[in-house]
Amino acid sequence: RTKGDAFSRVAEHTFFSYPKRKLDKRDPMPISQLFILSPRGDKIIAKDYRADIVRGTDEIFFRKYKFWDGPGGGDTPPFFTVDGINYAFVKKNNLLLVVTTRTNMSPSLLSELLIRITKLLKDFLGVMNEESLRKNFVLVYEILDEAIDFGFLQTTSTEKLIPYIFNEPVMIESEDKKPGPSVGIIKPTGLVNKLTGKGTKKAADAQKTILGGEGNRKNEIYVDVLERLNVVFNSNGQVVAAEIDGAIIMKSFLAGTPELRLGLNDDLQVGRSERNYGGVNLDSVNFHECVNYTDFESDRTLFFRPPDGEFVVMNYRVTSMDYSMPFRILPVVDSPSPYKVELTLKVRADFPASIHGSTVLVKFAVPKSTTSVNVEFRGGAQNQSYEYKQSEKMVVWLIKKFNGSTEQVCKARISFSQATTANIRKEIGPISMSFEIPMYIVSGLNIRFLRIEERSKSYNPSRWVRNITQANSYICRMN
C-alpha cells in the first residue's frame, strides 16, 4: 500500500466519470468520517476520508447524544441514523469516538473498529485523554492516516503500524501521578508483582507509549486480571442473577519477541458439563490469535509471543451463582408519617479485611413527588458523603474507602409533597453500585507463573501482575 495508490483512488472517484456498478456484498464498505469529541462537544480530532457527507455532522451527533428523542427514549443508542447518515460511537475516558458512513455497515464491525482505534491511540500515546490528544494531534492524524485509507480499513495492529509512524509522542503526566485526590474516574491503586517478588509498582507506570525503540525500553511486562460483575439482588439481599465477564490483559515492553508461557490454576474447569466443586469453573473462554493453547486442556498453560502494545490474552465468562459477591445490599423501608419515608440502606463487604474497595458509589432513585432528602450516616463513619440531585431525583452516596469484612449504613429521610401510596413507594429504587476492588478476583482465577521460554539466564524482565474486580451492573431491586 502506498500513498500513490490512495491518491489514484481519490482521483478515480473525483475527476473521472466511470460507469457505476452495484456493490457486491463481499466488497469492503468504507467509513466516511471519524471524529473524537470532548465531554462538552468540542471537536478534538476530525478526519474526513471521503468528502461524501456534509459538514456539521459532529454537531448533529452531539445534539442527538445529549437530547435523544428517537425511538424508545432514554439514553442514546450506540448506533442510529439521521438523514441517511449512519452514526456509531463508543465512550472512553469521557471522550466520544464517532464514525459516520452512508453504507449499511455491520454495527458490530463499527463498534470493534472504534474499540481498536482506542487501543491504538492508547498504545502510541501511553494514556488517552483530552490533554494527550490535543498535545499529540499530529501523531494522532498520522496514526489515523495509516490505519484507514480513503475510508477503507488497512490495519489496527500496533506492531504493523510502528514502522510507518515517525512522530514522537509528547508524554502526558497520568492522573495517578498527579498530586491530590483523584476526581471522577476510579483509578487503580497498585500493581503487585507476585511472580518475581520485587514489591509493588504504581499502575500509572504501565501507561506509557510503546514507541522509542528497544534500547530505551525497561524490558518489562504488565498483566491485568480484570473481572466485571453483572449482579442483580432482590430486596432481601439474595442474588437473583450473576455473571462475571473476565479478561487477562497484557501490555508488553519486552526487548525482542520472546515466547512466553503463562500458567493458570491447576483446578481450572471449562464448560458447564462438569463442575469442579472447590475449584475455578469457567463457562466459556476464547483466546487472542497469537496464543497457542494446545496444552491448555492438559496442564492449563498458554504459549505466545506477545505483540507490541496492549492486547487481551484470554476472555472468559462465568454465569454460576456459587461465588460470593463482594458486596451485599440490604434495604429496609419504613413510613414514620404519611408524608415521609425512611430508607435504611446497609452495604456489607464480604471480602477479606486485608483489602478494600475504592471509590464506592451507591445510587438510588426517589419518587417524582420528593421535596427533600436528608441522609445520616452511622456514627464513626469516615470519608463518606452524599449528594441529592434534585433535577434527576437521584441520591448518590460516596464511600472513598470501603474496608473488607465491614458494614456501612446510611438512613435517607425522604419527604413528599403528597401522602405516600403504594405506587409512590414503588418509585424508590432500584439501588445501583459502582466500585473497584484491587487485588481481588471473585472467580478465583490465578496466574501461577509467567515464564520466558528459550532465553538465557541473564534475560530476566520484570513481570507485574494486578488483579481487579469492578462493578459493571450491580443492582438491587426494591420490589
Foldseek 3Di string as FASTA:
>chain_A
DDVVVLVVVLCCVPPDDDDDDDDDPPDFFFWAKKFKAALVLDTLDIDGQAPPDDPDVSVVVVVCQVAPPDPPDDGDDQWDDDPQKIKGWDADQRMIIIIIHNDPDDNVVVVVVRVLLVQLCQQAQLDDDSVQCNQCVVQSVQVVCVQARSRHGDDSANQVCQVSGDDHGDHDQDPQPDDDDDPDDDADAWWAQPAPPPGIDGPSVSRHYLDDDLVPFQAEKEKEWEKAKAWEAEQAQDTPWIKIKIFIKMAGNHRDFFKKKWAKDQQEDEDDPDDRPPAFYFHDKDADPQWDCPCCVPGNMIIGGDGHGMDTGMITMDTDPPFDDQKTWHWDWDDPDQFKIKIKIKIAGADDQVWKKAWKKKKKAAFLQWDDKDKDWPPPDPQWDWDQDNVRRMIIITRGIGGHRDMIMMMMMTGGPGGDDPVRVQRIDWMWMWIKIKPDDGSPMDTPHMDGPPDDPVSDHRYIYIYMYIYPTGIYRHD
